[in-house]
Amino acid sequence: MIRVTIKLAGPLRHHHRKGYTPRGEAVELPDGVTVGELLKVFAIKEAHPQLITINRQKATPETVLTEGDVICVIPRALGG
């Protein structure tokens, strides 16, 4: 098992679970889990976020997570 922190920006925060704070939520996951699998835990469709970072580096849904990673999920900007 690994422990990572996920931070959700803007309207994605409504996908939080109990224990979510503005600093993020610590999540325990099995070894070898990907960003895409983490997004499923929070019911976030992979097509919805525009930017995903791990430890401030751009990531994809296929990126494998490791112990201590900090994942930020930033939604598409809407406006006119």
PDB file of N, CA and C in Angstrom:
ATOM      1  N   MET A   1       0.844  -1.184   0.000  1.00  0.00           N
ATOM      2  CA  MET A   1       0.000   0.000   0.000  1.00  0.00           C
ATOM      3  C   MET A   1       0.885   1.243   0.000  1.00  0.00           C
ATOM      4  N   ILE A   2       0.379   2.280  -0.665  1.00  0.00           N
ATOM      5  CA  ILE A   2       1.060   3.576  -0.664  1.00  0.00           C
ATOM      6  C   ILE A   2       0.095   4.629  -0.140  1.00  0.00           C
ATOM      7  N   ARG A   3       0.648   5.723   0.320  1.00  0.00           N
ATOM      8  CA  ARG A   3      -0.167   6.844   0.795  1.00  0.00           C
ATOM      9  C   ARG A   3       0.208   8.065  -0.034  1.00  0.00           C
ATOM     10  N   VAL A   4      -0.808   8.692  -0.655  1.00  0.00           N
ATOM     11  CA  VAL A   4      -0.610   9.882  -1.468  1.00  0.00           C
ATOM     12  C   VAL A   4      -1.586  10.951  -0.991  1.00  0.00           C
ATOM     13  N   THR A   5      -1.376  12.181  -1.452  1.00  0.00           N
ATOM     14  CA  THR A   5      -2.294  13.279  -1.147  1.00  0.00           C
ATOM     15  C   THR A   5      -2.864  13.793  -2.454  1.00  0.00           C
ATOM     16  N   ILE A   6      -4.183  13.958  -2.496  1.00  0.00           N
ATOM     17  CA  ILE A   6      -4.832  14.511  -3.683  1.00  0.00           C
ATOM     18  C   ILE A   6      -5.417  15.874  -3.326  1.00  0.00           C
ATOM     19  N   LYS A   7      -5.173  16.840  -4.215  1.00  0.00           N
ATOM     20  CA  LYS A   7      -5.712  18.190  -4.063  1.00  0.00           C
ATOM     21  C   LYS A   7      -6.602  18.464  -5.263  1.00  0.00           C
ATOM     22  N   LEU A   8      -7.824  18.901  -4.993  1.00  0.00           N
ATOM     23  CA  LEU A   8      -8.788  19.180  -6.044  1.00  0.00           C
ATOM     24  C   LEU A   8      -9.035  20.672  -6.109  1.00  0.00           C
ATOM     25  N   ALA A   9      -8.985  21.246  -7.306  1.00  0.00           N
ATOM     26  CA  ALA A   9      -9.165  22.686  -7.466  1.00  0.00           C
ATOM     27  C   ALA A   9     -10.573  23.004  -7.960  1.00  0.00           C
ATOM     28  N   GLY A  10     -11.042  24.190  -7.600  1.00  0.00           N
ATOM     29  CA  GLY A  10     -12.308  24.720  -8.092  1.00  0.00           C
ATOM     30  C   GLY A  10     -13.483  23.793  -7.880  1.00  0.00           C
ATOM     31  N   PRO A  11     -14.314  23.639  -8.914  1.00  0.00           N
ATOM     32  CA  PRO A  11     -15.539  22.846  -8.764  1.00  0.00           C
ATOM     33  C   PRO A  11     -15.291  21.353  -8.541  1.00  0.00           C
ATOM     34  N   LEU A  12     -14.081  20.887  -8.772  1.00  0.00           N
ATOM     35  CA  LEU A  12     -13.790  19.470  -8.511  1.00  0.00           C
ATOM     36  C   LEU A  12     -13.844  19.145  -7.024  1.00  0.00           C
ATOM     37  N   ARG A  13     -13.781  20.168  -6.184  1.00  0.00           N
ATOM     38  CA  ARG A  13     -13.810  19.915  -4.738  1.00  0.00           C
ATOM     39  C   ARG A  13     -15.089  19.219  -4.289  1.00  0.00           C
ATOM     40  N   HIS A  14     -16.166  19.307  -5.082  1.00  0.00           N
ATOM     41  CA  HIS A  14     -17.393  18.612  -4.681  1.00  0.00           C
ATOM     42  C   HIS A  14     -17.253  17.096  -4.807  1.00  0.00           C
ATOM     43  N   HIS A  15     -16.137  16.623  -5.364  1.00  0.00           N
ATOM     44  CA  HIS A  15     -15.876  15.183  -5.449  1.00  0.00           C
ATOM     45  C   HIS A  15     -15.179  14.658  -4.193  1.00  0.00           C
ATOM     46  N   HIS A  16     -14.995  15.530  -3.213  1.00  0.00           N
ATOM     47  CA  HIS A  16     -14.246  15.122  -2.020  1.00  0.00           C
ATOM     48  C   HIS A  16     -14.988  14.049  -1.231  1.00  0.00           C
ATOM     49  N   ARG A  17     -14.255  13.425  -0.383  1.00  0.00           N
ATOM     50  CA  ARG A  17     -14.817  12.453   0.553  1.00  0.00           C
ATOM     51  C   ARG A  17     -14.583  13.000   1.950  1.00  0.00           C
ATOM     52  N   LYS A  18     -15.082  12.308   2.938  1.00  0.00           N
ATOM     53  CA  LYS A  18     -14.846  12.730   4.316  1.00  0.00           C
ATOM     54  C   LYS A  18     -13.348  12.820   4.557  1.00  0.00           C
ATOM     55  N   GLY A  19     -12.913  13.893   5.175  1.00  0.00           N
ATOM     56  CA  GLY A  19     -11.500  14.064   5.460  1.00  0.00           C
ATOM     57  C   GLY A  19     -10.801  15.026   4.528  1.00  0.00           C
ATOM     58  N   TYR A  20     -11.512  15.544   3.517  1.00  0.00           N
ATOM     59  CA  TYR A  20     -10.877  16.472   2.576  1.00  0.00           C
ATOM     60  C   TYR A  20     -10.770  17.857   3.191  1.00  0.00           C
ATOM     61  N   THR A  21      -9.603  18.472   3.055  1.00  0.00           N
ATOM     62  CA  THR A  21      -9.380  19.841   3.510  1.00  0.00           C
ATOM     63  C   THR A  21      -8.771  20.619   2.355  1.00  0.00           C
ATOM     64  N   PRO A  22      -8.655  21.951   2.457  1.00  0.00           N
ATOM     65  CA  PRO A  22      -8.005  22.714   1.380  1.00  0.00           C
ATOM     66  C   PRO A  22      -6.576  22.260   1.096  1.00  0.00           C
ATOM     67  N   ARG A  23      -5.947  21.605   2.059  1.00  0.00           N
ATOM     68  CA  ARG A  23      -4.587  21.084   1.845  1.00  0.00           C
ATOM     69  C   ARG A  23      -4.595  19.732   1.153  1.00  0.00           C
ATOM     70  N   GLY A  24      -5.787  19.198   0.903  1.00  0.00           N
ATOM     71  CA  GLY A  24      -5.903  17.914   0.219  1.00  0.00           C
ATOM     72  C   GLY A  24      -6.346  16.813   1.149  1.00  0.00           C
ATOM     73  N   GLU A  25      -6.426  15.639   0.583  1.00  0.00           N
ATOM     74  CA  GLU A  25      -6.840  14.467   1.339  1.00  0.00           C
ATOM     75  C   GLU A  25      -5.814  13.364   1.170  1.00  0.00           C
ATOM     76  N   ALA A  26      -5.409  12.775   2.269  1.00  0.00           N
ATOM     77  CA  ALA A  26      -4.501  11.637   2.218  1.00  0.00           C
ATOM     78  C   ALA A  26      -5.320  10.399   1.868  1.00  0.00           C
ATOM     79  N   VAL A  27      -4.796   9.621   0.926  1.00  0.00           N
ATOM     80  CA  VAL A  27      -5.489   8.439   0.447  1.00  0.00           C
ATOM     81  C   VAL A  27      -4.518   7.272   0.449  1.00  0.00           C
ATOM     82  N   GLU A  28      -4.974   6.111   0.927  1.00  0.00           N
ATOM     83  CA  GLU A  28      -4.175   4.887   0.858  1.00  0.00           C
ATOM     84  C   GLU A  28      -4.635   4.083  -0.334  1.00  0.00           C
ATOM     85  N   LEU A  29      -3.678   3.648  -1.148  1.00  0.00           N
ATOM     86  CA  LEU A  29      -3.978   2.928  -2.383  1.00  0.00           C
ATOM     87  C   LEU A  29      -3.041   1.738  -2.528  1.00  0.00           C
ATOM     88  N   PRO A  30      -3.438   0.757  -3.334  1.00  0.00           N
ATOM     89  CA  PRO A  30      -2.541  -0.377  -3.573  1.00  0.00           C
ATOM     90  C   PRO A  30      -1.320   0.045  -4.390  1.00  0.00           C
ATOM     91  N   ASP A  31      -0.227  -0.663  -4.232  1.00  0.00           N
ATOM     92  CA  ASP A  31       0.965  -0.415  -5.049  1.00  0.00           C
ATOM     93  C   ASP A  31       0.604  -0.553  -6.525  1.00  0.00           C
ATOM     94  N   GLY A  32       1.225   0.285  -7.365  1.00  0.00           N
ATOM     95  CA  GLY A  32       1.037   0.195  -8.803  1.00  0.00           C
ATOM     96  C   GLY A  32      -0.193   0.910  -9.342  1.00  0.00           C
ATOM     97  N   VAL A  33      -0.911   1.627  -8.479  1.00  0.00           N
ATOM     98  CA  VAL A  33      -2.124   2.326  -8.929  1.00  0.00           C
ATOM     99  C   VAL A  33      -1.742   3.524  -9.796  1.00  0.00           C
ATOM    100  N   THR A  34      -2.593   3.839 -10.772  1.00  0.00           N
ATOM    101  CA  THR A  34      -2.331   4.950 -11.678  1.00  0.00           C
ATOM    102  C   THR A  34      -3.176   6.170 -11.303  1.00  0.00           C
ATOM    103  N   VAL A  35      -2.836   7.301 -11.894  1.00  0.00           N
ATOM    104  CA  VAL A  35      -3.616   8.520 -11.687  1.00  0.00           C
ATOM    105  C   VAL A  35      -5.062   8.284 -12.120  1.00  0.00           C
ATOM    106  N   GLY A  36      -5.259   7.635 -13.245  1.00  0.00           N
ATOM    107  CA  GLY A  36      -6.608   7.357 -13.740  1.00  0.00           C
ATOM    108  C   GLY A  36      -7.433   6.560 -12.743  1.00  0.00           C
ATOM    109  N   GLU A  37      -6.812   5.584 -12.096  1.00  0.00           N
ATOM    110  CA  GLU A  37      -7.521   4.788 -11.088  1.00  0.00           C
ATOM    111  C   GLU A  37      -7.858   5.637  -9.866  1.00  0.00           C
ATOM    112  N   LEU A  38      -6.965   6.546  -9.489  1.00  0.00           N
ATOM    113  CA  LEU A  38      -7.241   7.460  -8.385  1.00  0.00           C
ATOM    114  C   LEU A  38      -8.420   8.364  -8.724  1.00  0.00           C
ATOM    115  N   LEU A  39      -8.473   8.861  -9.955  1.00  0.00           N
ATOM    116  CA  LEU A  39      -9.593   9.714 -10.362  1.00  0.00           C
ATOM    117  C   LEU A  39     -10.921   8.963 -10.252  1.00  0.00           C
ATOM    118  N   LYS A  40     -10.906   7.671 -10.546  1.00  0.00           N
ATOM    119  CA  LYS A  40     -12.127   6.870 -10.418  1.00  0.00           C
ATOM    120  C   LYS A  40     -12.586   6.779  -8.966  1.00  0.00           C
ATOM    121  N   VAL A  41     -11.647   6.718  -8.032  1.00  0.00           N
ATOM    122  CA  VAL A  41     -11.988   6.679  -6.605  1.00  0.00           C
ATOM    123  C   VAL A  41     -12.792   7.924  -6.234  1.00  0.00           C
ATOM    124  N   PHE A  42     -12.454   9.057  -6.833  1.00  0.00           N
ATOM    125  CA  PHE A  42     -13.139  10.314  -6.545  1.00  0.00           C
ATOM    126  C   PHE A  42     -14.254  10.611  -7.550  1.00  0.00           C
ATOM    127  N   ALA A  43     -14.585   9.654  -8.404  1.00  0.00           N
ATOM    128  CA  ALA A  43     -15.649   9.795  -9.406  1.00  0.00           C
ATOM    129  C   ALA A  43     -15.405  10.990 -10.331  1.00  0.00           C
ATOM    130  N   ILE A  44     -14.147  11.200 -10.712  1.00  0.00           N
ATOM    131  CA  ILE A  44     -13.789  12.263 -11.649  1.00  0.00           C
ATOM    132  C   ILE A  44     -13.474  11.605 -12.982  1.00  0.00           C
ATOM    133  N   LYS A  45     -14.197  11.989 -14.011  1.00  0.00           N
ATOM    134  CA  LYS A  45     -13.946  11.436 -15.343  1.00  0.00           C
ATOM    135  C   LYS A  45     -12.616  11.965 -15.857  1.00  0.00           C
ATOM    136  N   GLU A  46     -11.828  11.091 -16.456  1.00  0.00           N
ATOM    137  CA  GLU A  46     -10.499  11.478 -16.940  1.00  0.00           C
ATOM    138  C   GLU A  46     -10.563  12.632 -17.930  1.00  0.00           C
ATOM    139  N   ALA A  47     -11.643  12.738 -18.682  1.00  0.00           N
ATOM    140  CA  ALA A  47     -11.757  13.801 -19.672  1.00  0.00           C
ATOM    141  C   ALA A  47     -12.049  15.148 -19.021  1.00  0.00           C
ATOM    142  N   HIS A  48     -12.514  15.147 -17.776  1.00  0.00           N
ATOM    143  CA  HIS A  48     -12.919  16.393 -17.119  1.00  0.00           C
ATOM    144  C   HIS A  48     -11.744  17.291 -16.737  1.00  0.00           C
ATOM    145  N   PRO A  49     -10.714  16.792 -16.050  1.00  0.00           N
ATOM    146  CA  PRO A  49      -9.615  17.690 -15.675  1.00  0.00           C
ATOM    147  C   PRO A  49      -8.793  18.115 -16.887  1.00  0.00           C
ATOM    148  N   GLN A  50      -8.308  19.318 -16.855  1.00  0.00           N
ATOM    149  CA  GLN A  50      -7.437  19.778 -17.932  1.00  0.00           C
ATOM    150  C   GLN A  50      -5.976  19.546 -17.572  1.00  0.00           C
ATOM    151  N   LEU A  51      -5.667  19.676 -16.301  1.00  0.00           N
ATOM    152  CA  LEU A  51      -4.275  19.542 -15.880  1.00  0.00           C
ATOM    153  C   LEU A  51      -4.189  18.669 -14.638  1.00  0.00           C
ATOM    154  N   ILE A  52      -3.293  17.699 -14.701  1.00  0.00           N
ATOM    155  CA  ILE A  52      -3.004  16.846 -13.557  1.00  0.00           C
ATOM    156  C   ILE A  52      -1.510  16.945 -13.311  1.00  0.00           C
ATOM    157  N   THR A  53      -1.131  17.244 -12.069  1.00  0.00           N
ATOM    158  CA  THR A  53       0.293  17.268 -11.727  1.00  0.00           C
ATOM    159  C   THR A  53       0.567  16.315 -10.582  1.00  0.00           C
ATOM    160  N   ILE A  54       1.777  15.790 -10.582  1.00  0.00           N
ATOM    161  CA  ILE A  54       2.279  14.997  -9.465  1.00  0.00           C
ATOM    162  C   ILE A  54       3.566  15.660  -9.031  1.00  0.00           C
ATOM    163  N   ASN A  55       3.594  16.089  -7.794  1.00  0.00           N
ATOM    164  CA  ASN A  55       4.767  16.772  -7.261  1.00  0.00           C
ATOM    165  C   ASN A  55       5.192  17.927  -8.173  1.00  0.00           C
ATOM    166  N   ARG A  56       4.191  18.656  -8.662  1.00  0.00           N
ATOM    167  CA  ARG A  56       4.354  19.849  -9.508  1.00  0.00           C
ATOM    168  C   ARG A  56       4.886  19.561 -10.911  1.00  0.00           C
ATOM    169  N   GLN A  57       4.811  18.306 -11.338  1.00  0.00           N
ATOM    170  CA  GLN A  57       5.209  17.922 -12.692  1.00  0.00           C
ATOM    171  C   GLN A  57       3.978  17.387 -13.420  1.00  0.00           C
ATOM    172  N   LYS A  58       3.802  17.769 -14.677  1.00  0.00           N
ATOM    173  CA  LYS A  58       2.643  17.327 -15.446  1.00  0.00           C
ATOM    174  C   LYS A  58       2.587  15.804 -15.495  1.00  0.00           C
ATOM    175  N   ALA A  59       1.376  15.268 -15.359  1.00  0.00           N
ATOM    176  CA  ALA A  59       1.181  13.818 -15.359  1.00  0.00           C
ATOM    177  C   ALA A  59       0.015  13.462 -16.278  1.00  0.00           C
ATOM    178  N   THR A  60      -0.100  12.187 -16.593  1.00  0.00           N
ATOM    179  CA  THR A  60      -1.200  11.672 -17.400  1.00  0.00           C
ATOM    180  C   THR A  60      -1.961  10.634 -16.577  1.00  0.00           C
ATOM    181  N   PRO A  61      -3.154  10.230 -17.028  1.00  0.00           N
ATOM    182  CA  PRO A  61      -3.890   9.201 -16.291  1.00  0.00           C
ATOM    183  C   PRO A  61      -3.133   7.872 -16.192  1.00  0.00           C
ATOM    184  N   GLU A  62      -2.182   7.641 -17.067  1.00  0.00           N
ATOM    185  CA  GLU A  62      -1.416   6.387 -17.051  1.00  0.00           C
ATOM    186  C   GLU A  62      -0.234   6.420 -16.076  1.00  0.00           C
ATOM    187  N   THR A  63       0.075   7.581 -15.525  1.00  0.00           N
ATOM    188  CA  THR A  63       1.221   7.713 -14.615  1.00  0.00           C
ATOM    189  C   THR A  63       0.984   6.889 -13.356  1.00  0.00           C
ATOM    190  N   VAL A  64       1.976   6.082 -12.981  1.00  0.00           N
ATOM    191  CA  VAL A  64       1.887   5.255 -11.776  1.00  0.00           C
ATOM    192  C   VAL A  64       2.295   6.088 -10.569  1.00  0.00           C
ATOM    193  N   LEU A  65       1.503   5.998  -9.513  1.00  0.00           N
ATOM    194  CA  LEU A  65       1.765   6.761  -8.287  1.00  0.00           C
ATOM    195  C   LEU A  65       2.748   6.025  -7.389  1.00  0.00           C
ATOM    196  N   THR A  66       3.492   6.808  -6.597  1.00  0.00           N
ATOM    197  CA  THR A  66       4.422   6.239  -5.633  1.00  0.00           C
ATOM    198  C   THR A  66       4.190   6.879  -4.270  1.00  0.00           C
ATOM    199  N   GLU A  67       4.720   6.270  -3.256  1.00  0.00           N
ATOM    200  CA  GLU A  67       4.570   6.731  -1.875  1.00  0.00           C
ATOM    201  C   GLU A  67       4.909   8.211  -1.742  1.00  0.00           C
ATOM    202  N   GLY A  68       3.998   8.961  -1.108  1.00  0.00           N
ATOM    203  CA  GLY A  68       4.249  10.364  -0.807  1.00  0.00           C
ATOM    204  C   GLY A  68       3.917  11.350  -1.912  1.00  0.00           C
ATOM    205  N   ASP A  69       3.467  10.868  -3.069  1.00  0.00           N
ATOM    206  CA  ASP A  69       3.128  11.777  -4.165  1.00  0.00           C
ATOM    207  C   ASP A  69       2.017  12.744  -3.748  1.00  0.00           C
ATOM    208  N   VAL A  70       2.078  13.958  -4.302  1.00  0.00           N
ATOM    209  CA  VAL A  70       1.018  14.948  -4.137  1.00  0.00           C
ATOM    210  C   VAL A  70       0.438  15.195  -5.523  1.00  0.00           C
ATOM    211  N   ILE A  71      -0.839  14.846  -5.682  1.00  0.00           N
ATOM    212  CA  ILE A  71      -1.510  14.940  -6.968  1.00  0.00           C
ATOM    213  C   ILE A  71      -2.449  16.133  -6.937  1.00  0.00           C
ATOM    214  N   CYS A  72      -2.330  17.034  -7.905  1.00  0.00           N
ATOM    215  CA  CYS A  72      -3.242  18.176  -8.034  1.00  0.00           C
ATOM    216  C   CYS A  72      -4.057  17.986  -9.306  1.00  0.00           C
ATOM    217  N   VAL A  73      -5.366  18.149  -9.177  1.00  0.00           N
ATOM    218  CA  VAL A  73      -6.263  18.004 -10.315  1.00  0.00           C
ATOM    219  C   VAL A  73      -6.945  19.351 -10.520  1.00  0.00           C
ATOM    220  N   ILE A  74      -6.720  19.933 -11.692  1.00  0.00           N
ATOM    221  CA  ILE A  74      -7.224  21.269 -12.000  1.00  0.00           C
ATOM    222  C   ILE A  74      -8.203  21.148 -13.162  1.00  0.00           C
ATOM    223  N   PRO A  75      -9.450  21.655 -12.996  1.00  0.00           N
ATOM    224  CA  PRO A  75     -10.461  21.504 -14.037  1.00  0.00           C
ATOM    225  C   PRO A  75     -10.263  22.460 -15.203  1.00  0.00           C
ATOM    226  N   ARG A  76     -10.989  22.187 -16.245  1.00  0.00           N
ATOM    227  CA  ARG A  76     -11.016  23.100 -17.396  1.00  0.00           C
ATOM    228  C   ARG A  76     -11.605  24.426 -16.939  1.00  0.00           C
ATOM    229  N   ALA A  77     -11.071  25.499 -17.475  1.00  0.00           N
ATOM    230  CA  ALA A  77     -11.613  26.823 -17.162  1.00  0.00           C
ATOM    231  C   ALA A  77     -12.766  27.112 -18.117  1.00  0.00           C
ATOM    232  N   LEU A  78     -13.843  27.577 -17.552  1.00  0.00           N
ATOM    233  CA  LEU A  78     -14.996  27.958 -18.352  1.00  0.00           C
ATOM    234  C   LEU A  78     -15.215  29.445 -18.214  1.00  0.00           C
ATOM    235  N   GLY A  79     -15.767  30.044 -19.188  1.00  0.00           N
ATOM    236  CA  GLY A  79     -16.037  31.473 -19.084  1.00  0.00           C
ATOM    237  C   GLY A  79     -16.287  32.064 -20.453  1.00  0.00           C
ATOM    238  N   GLY A  80     -16.440  33.357 -20.457  1.00  0.00           N
ATOM    239  CA  GLY A  80     -16.764  33.961 -21.727  1.00  0.00           C
ATOM    240  C   GLY A  80     -16.122  35.280 -21.950  1.00  0.00           C
TER     241      GLY A  80
END
